[in-house]
Amino acid sequence: MTLTDLGYILTVTIEIALPIILAIIIWKKFKVSWAIFFLGMVLFLASLIRIPLNNYLASLLQTPFKGELYYIFVGAMAGLFAGIFEEGVRCIALGAVIKPRNYYKGIMYGIGHGGGGESMVFVGLTVLANYIIFKFFPNILPVNIVSQLKATAWWLPLVGAAERVLAIAIQIAFSVLIMHAFMFKKYYIIPLTIILHAVVDFAAYYINYKFGMWYAELSVLVFAAAGIAIIFLLKPMNYKHTMNMIT
């Protein structure tokens, strides 16, 4: 086994195992149904219907906008669509489907949305498939792609895994915010969460374009720290009260 193999194996393990471990903790400690985890997973994947629209509009913007302005508009558009579609499905789940509502159901939904759908399926299985093809069927890949993969530092996939960990924290925070909005009828939180989601995505995209990967990852770290703060700030002081709350 090479260091490259180790890097990919650790990456896939983190991206797939971490959401499962988090979900097990919430299920065991707070008796939250796994159905909420899988609902989050399915609805995240459903929100990806925005991607063809993103690609189509990005192609249209190539003519009127050039250079950095193009990246600004594309990044802003992609971030806004992510906010609208992902928070939209969150509102469907937490506002209409999941009842009675409580804080820990919001946590479980966030794990399913950001961990099950995004980390496990959308990213983790993609990385696993790419690794299997690169490792066992390199002949089906273009020569330049194989060369690039061989030249990639063994630890680089782990950067992606670290980003997934941070992204899960952010996605849980968004879910807690939307759950809070419905539990306490503070509906103004919903558009604020959409805007926040758009800002997070745009910042990572534009900073990566302008300053490079490491600065983009630093921005994700800052947003994840803010997300963790939100998760703890909105955590109910009385566990029995939140578990019995019917809204």
C-alpha atoms as a PDB file:
ATOM      1  CA  MET A   1       0.000   0.000   0.000  1.00  0.00           C
ATOM      2  CA  THR A   2       1.353   3.392  -1.005  1.00  0.00           C
ATOM      3  CA  LEU A   3       0.870   6.711   0.779  1.00  0.00           C
ATOM      4  CA  THR A   4      -1.526   7.695  -2.014  1.00  0.00           C
ATOM      5  CA  ASP A   5      -3.636   4.608  -1.272  1.00  0.00           C
ATOM      6  CA  LEU A   6      -3.592   5.479   2.422  1.00  0.00           C
ATOM      7  CA  GLY A   7      -4.661   9.060   1.712  1.00  0.00           C
ATOM      8  CA  TYR A   8      -7.653   7.972  -0.350  1.00  0.00           C
ATOM      9  CA  ILE A   9      -8.677   5.214   2.071  1.00  0.00           C
ATOM     10  CA  LEU A  10      -8.573   7.568   5.065  1.00  0.00           C
ATOM     11  CA  THR A  11     -10.497  10.197   3.111  1.00  0.00           C
ATOM     12  CA  VAL A  12     -13.299   7.835   2.102  1.00  0.00           C
ATOM     13  CA  THR A  13     -13.444   6.381   5.620  1.00  0.00           C
ATOM     14  CA  ILE A  14     -13.859   9.834   7.180  1.00  0.00           C
ATOM     15  CA  GLU A  15     -16.415  11.011   4.623  1.00  0.00           C
ATOM     16  CA  ILE A  16     -18.570   7.903   4.994  1.00  0.00           C
ATOM     17  CA  ALA A  17     -18.023   6.863   8.627  1.00  0.00           C
ATOM     18  CA  LEU A  18     -18.262  10.249  10.361  1.00  0.00           C
ATOM     19  CA  PRO A  19     -21.929  10.942   9.454  1.00  0.00           C
ATOM     20  CA  ILE A  20     -22.886   7.425  10.538  1.00  0.00           C
ATOM     21  CA  ILE A  21     -21.093   7.821  13.877  1.00  0.00           C
ATOM     22  CA  LEU A  22     -22.742  11.196  14.525  1.00  0.00           C
ATOM     23  CA  ALA A  23     -26.166   9.791  13.634  1.00  0.00           C
ATOM     24  CA  ILE A  24     -25.656   6.804  15.947  1.00  0.00           C
ATOM     25  CA  ILE A  25     -24.831   9.180  18.823  1.00  0.00           C
ATOM     26  CA  ILE A  26     -27.996  11.251  18.278  1.00  0.00           C
ATOM     27  CA  TRP A  27     -30.113   8.115  17.812  1.00  0.00           C
ATOM     28  CA  LYS A  28     -28.787   6.397  20.945  1.00  0.00           C
ATOM     29  CA  LYS A  29     -28.645   9.402  23.276  1.00  0.00           C
ATOM     30  CA  PHE A  30     -31.708  11.364  22.194  1.00  0.00           C
ATOM     31  CA  LYS A  31     -33.897   8.619  20.638  1.00  0.00           C
ATOM     32  CA  VAL A  32     -34.195  10.397  17.285  1.00  0.00           C
ATOM     33  CA  SER A  33     -35.417   8.217  14.419  1.00  0.00           C
ATOM     34  CA  TRP A  34     -33.080   7.196  11.609  1.00  0.00           C
ATOM     35  CA  ALA A  35     -35.903   8.139   9.234  1.00  0.00           C
ATOM     36  CA  ILE A  36     -34.960  11.787   9.791  1.00  0.00           C
ATOM     37  CA  PHE A  37     -31.356  11.053   8.813  1.00  0.00           C
ATOM     38  CA  PHE A  38     -32.463   9.383   5.587  1.00  0.00           C
ATOM     39  CA  LEU A  39     -34.952  12.172   4.893  1.00  0.00           C
ATOM     40  CA  GLY A  40     -32.078  14.640   5.081  1.00  0.00           C
ATOM     41  CA  MET A  41     -30.012  12.489   2.758  1.00  0.00           C
ATOM     42  CA  VAL A  42     -32.761  12.159   0.151  1.00  0.00           C
ATOM     43  CA  LEU A  43     -33.742  15.825   0.222  1.00  0.00           C
ATOM     44  CA  PHE A  44     -30.135  16.982  -0.140  1.00  0.00           C
ATOM     45  CA  LEU A  45     -29.824  14.839  -3.263  1.00  0.00           C
ATOM     46  CA  ALA A  46     -33.153  16.245  -4.495  1.00  0.00           C
ATOM     47  CA  SER A  47     -31.773  19.774  -4.070  1.00  0.00           C
ATOM     48  CA  LEU A  48     -29.056  18.970  -6.614  1.00  0.00           C
ATOM     49  CA  ILE A  49     -31.586  19.521  -9.405  1.00  0.00           C
ATOM     50  CA  ARG A  50     -30.220  23.066  -9.307  1.00  0.00           C
ATOM     51  CA  ILE A  51     -26.897  21.987 -10.842  1.00  0.00           C
ATOM     52  CA  PRO A  52     -28.078  21.815 -14.502  1.00  0.00           C
ATOM     53  CA  LEU A  53     -29.660  25.246 -14.022  1.00  0.00           C
ATOM     54  CA  ASN A  54     -26.384  26.558 -12.584  1.00  0.00           C
ATOM     55  CA  ASN A  55     -24.442  25.191 -15.541  1.00  0.00           C
ATOM     56  CA  TYR A  56     -26.894  26.604 -18.078  1.00  0.00           C
ATOM     57  CA  LEU A  57     -26.894  30.085 -16.585  1.00  0.00           C
ATOM     58  CA  ALA A  58     -23.108  30.007 -16.188  1.00  0.00           C
ATOM     59  CA  SER A  59     -22.785  29.342 -19.926  1.00  0.00           C
ATOM     60  CA  LEU A  60     -25.107  32.271 -20.673  1.00  0.00           C
ATOM     61  CA  LEU A  61     -23.006  34.590 -18.509  1.00  0.00           C
ATOM     62  CA  GLN A  62     -19.829  33.857 -20.466  1.00  0.00           C
ATOM     63  CA  THR A  63     -20.821  36.321 -23.200  1.00  0.00           C
ATOM     64  CA  PRO A  64     -21.799  39.459 -21.227  1.00  0.00           C
ATOM     65  CA  PHE A  65     -19.239  39.033 -18.425  1.00  0.00           C
ATOM     66  CA  LYS A  66     -15.500  38.489 -18.735  1.00  0.00           C
ATOM     67  CA  GLY A  67     -12.635  37.769 -16.392  1.00  0.00           C
ATOM     68  CA  GLU A  68     -13.104  38.267 -12.674  1.00  0.00           C
ATOM     69  CA  LEU A  69     -16.591  39.725 -13.094  1.00  0.00           C
ATOM     70  CA  TYR A  70     -17.721  36.426 -14.614  1.00  0.00           C
ATOM     71  CA  TYR A  71     -16.494  34.471 -11.584  1.00  0.00           C
ATOM     72  CA  ILE A  72     -18.192  36.915  -9.231  1.00  0.00           C
ATOM     73  CA  PHE A  73     -21.561  36.530 -10.958  1.00  0.00           C
ATOM     74  CA  VAL A  74     -21.269  32.742 -11.322  1.00  0.00           C
ATOM     75  CA  GLY A  75     -20.202  32.333  -7.691  1.00  0.00           C
ATOM     76  CA  ALA A  76     -22.994  34.582  -6.434  1.00  0.00           C
ATOM     77  CA  MET A  77     -25.571  32.777  -8.571  1.00  0.00           C
ATOM     78  CA  ALA A  78     -24.407  29.310  -7.480  1.00  0.00           C
ATOM     79  CA  GLY A  79     -24.374  30.366  -3.831  1.00  0.00           C
ATOM     80  CA  LEU A  80     -27.855  31.871  -4.026  1.00  0.00           C
ATOM     81  CA  PHE A  81     -29.307  28.803  -5.753  1.00  0.00           C
ATOM     82  CA  ALA A  82     -27.674  26.553  -3.151  1.00  0.00           C
ATOM     83  CA  GLY A  83     -29.254  28.639  -0.415  1.00  0.00           C
ATOM     84  CA  ILE A  84     -32.699  28.658  -2.024  1.00  0.00           C
ATOM     85  CA  PHE A  85     -32.821  24.972  -2.951  1.00  0.00           C
ATOM     86  CA  GLU A  86     -31.135  23.519   0.138  1.00  0.00           C
ATOM     87  CA  GLU A  87     -32.943  25.711   2.634  1.00  0.00           C
ATOM     88  CA  GLY A  88     -36.100  25.107   0.613  1.00  0.00           C
ATOM     89  CA  VAL A  89     -35.937  21.352   1.143  1.00  0.00           C
ATOM     90  CA  ARG A  90     -34.982  21.986   4.768  1.00  0.00           C
ATOM     91  CA  CYS A  91     -38.187  23.989   5.181  1.00  0.00           C
ATOM     92  CA  ILE A  92     -40.197  21.153   3.657  1.00  0.00           C
ATOM     93  CA  ALA A  93     -38.656  18.644   6.062  1.00  0.00           C
ATOM     94  CA  LEU A  94     -38.546  20.683   9.254  1.00  0.00           C
ATOM     95  CA  GLY A  95     -41.666  22.742   8.619  1.00  0.00           C
ATOM     96  CA  ALA A  96     -44.059  20.189   7.150  1.00  0.00           C
ATOM     97  CA  VAL A  97     -42.795  16.617   7.510  1.00  0.00           C
ATOM     98  CA  ILE A  98     -41.048  16.288  10.874  1.00  0.00           C
ATOM     99  CA  LYS A  99     -43.538  16.577  13.749  1.00  0.00           C
ATOM    100  CA  PRO A 100     -43.422  17.074  16.655  1.00  0.00           C
ATOM    101  CA  ARG A 101     -40.317  19.211  16.291  1.00  0.00           C
ATOM    102  CA  ASN A 102     -37.365  19.518  18.625  1.00  0.00           C
ATOM    103  CA  TYR A 103     -33.746  20.639  18.552  1.00  0.00           C
ATOM    104  CA  TYR A 104     -32.245  17.155  18.257  1.00  0.00           C
ATOM    105  CA  LYS A 105     -34.411  16.274  15.285  1.00  0.00           C
ATOM    106  CA  GLY A 106     -32.895  19.347  13.625  1.00  0.00           C
ATOM    107  CA  ILE A 107     -29.435  18.013  14.463  1.00  0.00           C
ATOM    108  CA  MET A 108     -30.261  14.593  13.005  1.00  0.00           C
ATOM    109  CA  TYR A 109     -31.690  16.146   9.851  1.00  0.00           C
ATOM    110  CA  GLY A 110     -28.530  18.233   9.457  1.00  0.00           C
ATOM    111  CA  ILE A 111     -26.364  15.135   9.800  1.00  0.00           C
ATOM    112  CA  GLY A 112     -28.419  13.405   7.113  1.00  0.00           C
ATOM    113  CA  HIS A 113     -28.402  16.441   4.814  1.00  0.00           C
ATOM    114  CA  GLY A 114     -24.755  17.451   5.132  1.00  0.00           C
ATOM    115  CA  GLY A 115     -23.312  14.111   6.188  1.00  0.00           C
ATOM    116  CA  GLY A 116     -25.450  11.442   4.548  1.00  0.00           C
ATOM    117  CA  GLY A 117     -26.344  13.188   1.309  1.00  0.00           C
ATOM    118  CA  GLU A 118     -23.373  15.467   0.749  1.00  0.00           C
ATOM    119  CA  SER A 119     -20.424  13.788   2.489  1.00  0.00           C
ATOM    120  CA  MET A 120     -21.320  10.097   2.090  1.00  0.00           C
ATOM    121  CA  VAL A 121     -23.092   9.951  -1.262  1.00  0.00           C
ATOM    122  CA  PHE A 122     -22.223  13.053  -3.279  1.00  0.00           C
ATOM    123  CA  VAL A 123     -18.558  13.303  -2.244  1.00  0.00           C
ATOM    124  CA  GLY A 124     -17.487  10.098  -0.494  1.00  0.00           C
ATOM    125  CA  LEU A 125     -18.788   7.611  -3.051  1.00  0.00           C
ATOM    126  CA  THR A 126     -17.476   9.810  -5.876  1.00  0.00           C
ATOM    127  CA  VAL A 127     -13.984   9.812  -4.350  1.00  0.00           C
ATOM    128  CA  LEU A 128     -14.216   6.046  -3.813  1.00  0.00           C
ATOM    129  CA  ALA A 129     -15.268   5.441  -7.429  1.00  0.00           C
ATOM    130  CA  ASN A 130     -12.467   7.667  -8.731  1.00  0.00           C
ATOM    131  CA  TYR A 131      -9.919   5.866  -6.569  1.00  0.00           C
ATOM    132  CA  ILE A 132     -11.086   2.421  -7.725  1.00  0.00           C
ATOM    133  CA  ILE A 133     -10.870   3.486 -11.372  1.00  0.00           C
ATOM    134  CA  PHE A 134      -7.435   5.078 -10.867  1.00  0.00           C
ATOM    135  CA  LYS A 135      -6.116   2.088  -8.903  1.00  0.00           C
ATOM    136  CA  PHE A 136      -7.524  -0.854 -10.850  1.00  0.00           C
ATOM    137  CA  PHE A 137      -8.647   0.460 -14.254  1.00  0.00           C
ATOM    138  CA  PRO A 138      -6.236   3.277 -15.169  1.00  0.00           C
ATOM    139  CA  ASN A 139      -6.338   2.345 -18.849  1.00  0.00           C
ATOM    140  CA  ILE A 140      -9.848   3.745 -19.233  1.00  0.00           C
ATOM    141  CA  LEU A 141      -8.666   7.202 -18.154  1.00  0.00           C
ATOM    142  CA  PRO A 142      -6.925   9.751 -20.397  1.00  0.00           C
ATOM    143  CA  VAL A 143      -3.147   9.683 -19.976  1.00  0.00           C
ATOM    144  CA  ASN A 144      -3.011  13.280 -18.725  1.00  0.00           C
ATOM    145  CA  ILE A 145      -5.567  12.524 -15.997  1.00  0.00           C
ATOM    146  CA  VAL A 146      -3.552   9.513 -14.804  1.00  0.00           C
ATOM    147  CA  SER A 147      -0.404  11.653 -14.742  1.00  0.00           C
ATOM    148  CA  GLN A 148      -2.161  14.337 -12.702  1.00  0.00           C
ATOM    149  CA  LEU A 149      -3.463  11.786 -10.211  1.00  0.00           C
ATOM    150  CA  LYS A 150      -0.022  10.230  -9.817  1.00  0.00           C
ATOM    151  CA  ALA A 151       1.500  13.657  -9.229  1.00  0.00           C
ATOM    152  CA  THR A 152      -1.065  14.571  -6.571  1.00  0.00           C
ATOM    153  CA  ALA A 153       0.363  14.745  -3.049  1.00  0.00           C
ATOM    154  CA  TRP A 154      -0.832  11.794  -0.970  1.00  0.00           C
ATOM    155  CA  TRP A 155      -2.254  14.053   1.737  1.00  0.00           C
ATOM    156  CA  LEU A 156      -4.283  16.265  -0.603  1.00  0.00           C
ATOM    157  CA  PRO A 157      -7.424  14.062  -0.491  1.00  0.00           C
ATOM    158  CA  LEU A 158      -7.360  14.468   3.299  1.00  0.00           C
ATOM    159  CA  VAL A 159      -7.833  18.207   2.822  1.00  0.00           C
ATOM    160  CA  GLY A 160     -11.111  17.365   1.118  1.00  0.00           C
ATOM    161  CA  ALA A 161     -12.049  15.115   4.033  1.00  0.00           C
ATOM    162  CA  ALA A 162     -11.293  17.906   6.512  1.00  0.00           C
ATOM    163  CA  GLU A 163     -13.480  20.235   4.456  1.00  0.00           C
ATOM    164  CA  ARG A 164     -16.333  17.721   4.646  1.00  0.00           C
ATOM    165  CA  VAL A 165     -16.041  17.668   8.445  1.00  0.00           C
ATOM    166  CA  LEU A 166     -16.310  21.468   8.512  1.00  0.00           C
ATOM    167  CA  ALA A 167     -19.155  21.429   5.978  1.00  0.00           C
ATOM    168  CA  ILE A 168     -21.143  18.990   8.127  1.00  0.00           C
ATOM    169  CA  ALA A 169     -20.882  21.426  11.045  1.00  0.00           C
ATOM    170  CA  ILE A 170     -22.148  24.239   8.810  1.00  0.00           C
ATOM    171  CA  GLN A 171     -25.023  22.138   7.474  1.00  0.00           C
ATOM    172  CA  ILE A 172     -26.076  21.118  10.976  1.00  0.00           C
ATOM    173  CA  ALA A 173     -26.061  24.800  11.969  1.00  0.00           C
ATOM    174  CA  PHE A 174     -28.332  25.669   9.031  1.00  0.00           C
ATOM    175  CA  SER A 175     -30.706  22.876  10.051  1.00  0.00           C
ATOM    176  CA  VAL A 176     -30.766  24.046  13.664  1.00  0.00           C
ATOM    177  CA  LEU A 177     -31.554  27.591  12.496  1.00  0.00           C
ATOM    178  CA  ILE A 178     -34.459  26.446  10.310  1.00  0.00           C
ATOM    179  CA  MET A 179     -35.773  24.165  13.060  1.00  0.00           C
ATOM    180  CA  HIS A 180     -35.563  27.088  15.496  1.00  0.00           C
ATOM    181  CA  ALA A 181     -37.497  29.251  13.044  1.00  0.00           C
ATOM    182  CA  PHE A 182     -40.396  26.795  12.926  1.00  0.00           C
ATOM    183  CA  MET A 183     -40.340  25.842  16.618  1.00  0.00           C
ATOM    184  CA  PHE A 184     -40.562  29.441  17.818  1.00  0.00           C
ATOM    185  CA  LYS A 185     -42.319  30.951  14.775  1.00  0.00           C
ATOM    186  CA  LYS A 186     -39.372  33.224  14.032  1.00  0.00           C
ATOM    187  CA  TYR A 187     -39.845  32.936  10.284  1.00  0.00           C
ATOM    188  CA  TYR A 188     -37.507  35.822   9.474  1.00  0.00           C
ATOM    189  CA  ILE A 189     -34.686  33.379  10.247  1.00  0.00           C
ATOM    190  CA  ILE A 190     -35.476  31.462   7.040  1.00  0.00           C
ATOM    191  CA  PRO A 191     -34.482  34.189   4.522  1.00  0.00           C
ATOM    192  CA  LEU A 192     -31.513  35.072   6.746  1.00  0.00           C
ATOM    193  CA  THR A 193     -30.360  31.439   6.577  1.00  0.00           C
ATOM    194  CA  ILE A 194     -30.724  31.439   2.786  1.00  0.00           C
ATOM    195  CA  ILE A 195     -28.549  34.556   2.593  1.00  0.00           C
ATOM    196  CA  LEU A 196     -26.011  33.094   5.029  1.00  0.00           C
ATOM    197  CA  HIS A 197     -25.838  29.893   2.977  1.00  0.00           C
ATOM    198  CA  ALA A 198     -25.259  31.919  -0.188  1.00  0.00           C
ATOM    199  CA  VAL A 199     -22.507  33.949   1.511  1.00  0.00           C
ATOM    200  CA  VAL A 200     -20.715  30.818   2.757  1.00  0.00           C
ATOM    201  CA  ASP A 201     -20.732  29.185  -0.682  1.00  0.00           C
ATOM    202  CA  PHE A 202     -19.784  32.375  -2.533  1.00  0.00           C
ATOM    203  CA  ALA A 203     -16.944  33.173  -0.140  1.00  0.00           C
ATOM    204  CA  ALA A 204     -15.355  29.731  -0.525  1.00  0.00           C
ATOM    205  CA  TYR A 205     -15.752  29.836  -4.324  1.00  0.00           C
ATOM    206  CA  TYR A 206     -14.440  33.363  -4.833  1.00  0.00           C
ATOM    207  CA  ILE A 207     -11.596  33.125  -2.311  1.00  0.00           C
ATOM    208  CA  ASN A 208     -10.438  29.906  -3.974  1.00  0.00           C
ATOM    209  CA  TYR A 209     -10.463  31.675  -7.358  1.00  0.00           C
ATOM    210  CA  LYS A 210      -8.777  34.839  -6.094  1.00  0.00           C
ATOM    211  CA  PHE A 211      -6.326  33.621  -3.467  1.00  0.00           C
ATOM    212  CA  GLY A 212      -6.096  29.824  -3.722  1.00  0.00           C
ATOM    213  CA  MET A 213      -7.241  26.654  -1.999  1.00  0.00           C
ATOM    214  CA  TRP A 214      -5.716  27.214   1.439  1.00  0.00           C
ATOM    215  CA  TYR A 215      -7.374  30.583   1.919  1.00  0.00           C
ATOM    216  CA  ALA A 216     -10.681  29.082   0.794  1.00  0.00           C
ATOM    217  CA  GLU A 217     -10.305  26.283   3.346  1.00  0.00           C
ATOM    218  CA  LEU A 218      -9.543  28.897   6.004  1.00  0.00           C
ATOM    219  CA  SER A 219     -12.803  30.664   5.169  1.00  0.00           C
ATOM    220  CA  VAL A 220     -14.683  27.363   5.539  1.00  0.00           C
ATOM    221  CA  LEU A 221     -12.996  26.870   8.926  1.00  0.00           C
ATOM    222  CA  VAL A 222     -14.178  30.308  10.073  1.00  0.00           C
ATOM    223  CA  PHE A 223     -17.748  29.608   8.950  1.00  0.00           C
ATOM    224  CA  ALA A 224     -17.662  26.166  10.600  1.00  0.00           C
ATOM    225  CA  ALA A 225     -16.552  27.749  13.889  1.00  0.00           C
ATOM    226  CA  ALA A 226     -19.465  30.183  13.609  1.00  0.00           C
ATOM    227  CA  GLY A 227     -21.770  27.246  12.818  1.00  0.00           C
ATOM    228  CA  ILE A 228     -20.637  25.333  15.907  1.00  0.00           C
ATOM    229  CA  ALA A 229     -21.274  28.454  17.989  1.00  0.00           C
ATOM    230  CA  ILE A 230     -24.819  28.653  16.568  1.00  0.00           C
ATOM    231  CA  ILE A 231     -25.430  24.974  17.353  1.00  0.00           C
ATOM    232  CA  PHE A 232     -24.475  25.461  21.007  1.00  0.00           C
ATOM    233  CA  LEU A 233     -26.164  28.844  21.407  1.00  0.00           C
ATOM    234  CA  LEU A 234     -29.496  27.429  20.230  1.00  0.00           C
ATOM    235  CA  LYS A 235     -29.158  24.249  22.277  1.00  0.00           C
ATOM    236  CA  PRO A 236     -31.991  24.115  24.836  1.00  0.00           C
ATOM    237  CA  MET A 237     -30.967  24.323  28.469  1.00  0.00           C
ATOM    238  CA  ASN A 238     -33.615  21.813  29.523  1.00  0.00           C
ATOM    239  CA  TYR A 239     -33.278  18.467  27.721  1.00  0.00           C
ATOM    240  CA  LYS A 240     -36.662  17.086  28.864  1.00  0.00           C
ATOM    241  CA  HIS A 241     -38.440  20.268  27.796  1.00  0.00           C
ATOM    242  CA  THR A 242     -37.122  20.152  24.253  1.00  0.00           C
ATOM    243  CA  MET A 243     -37.792  16.430  23.878  1.00  0.00           C
ATOM    244  CA  ASN A 244     -41.413  16.898  24.926  1.00  0.00           C
ATOM    245  CA  MET A 245     -42.047  20.132  23.043  1.00  0.00           C
ATOM    246  CA  ILE A 246     -44.821  19.849  20.456  1.00  0.00           C
ATOM    247  CA  THR A 247     -44.825  22.541  17.773  1.00  0.00           C
END
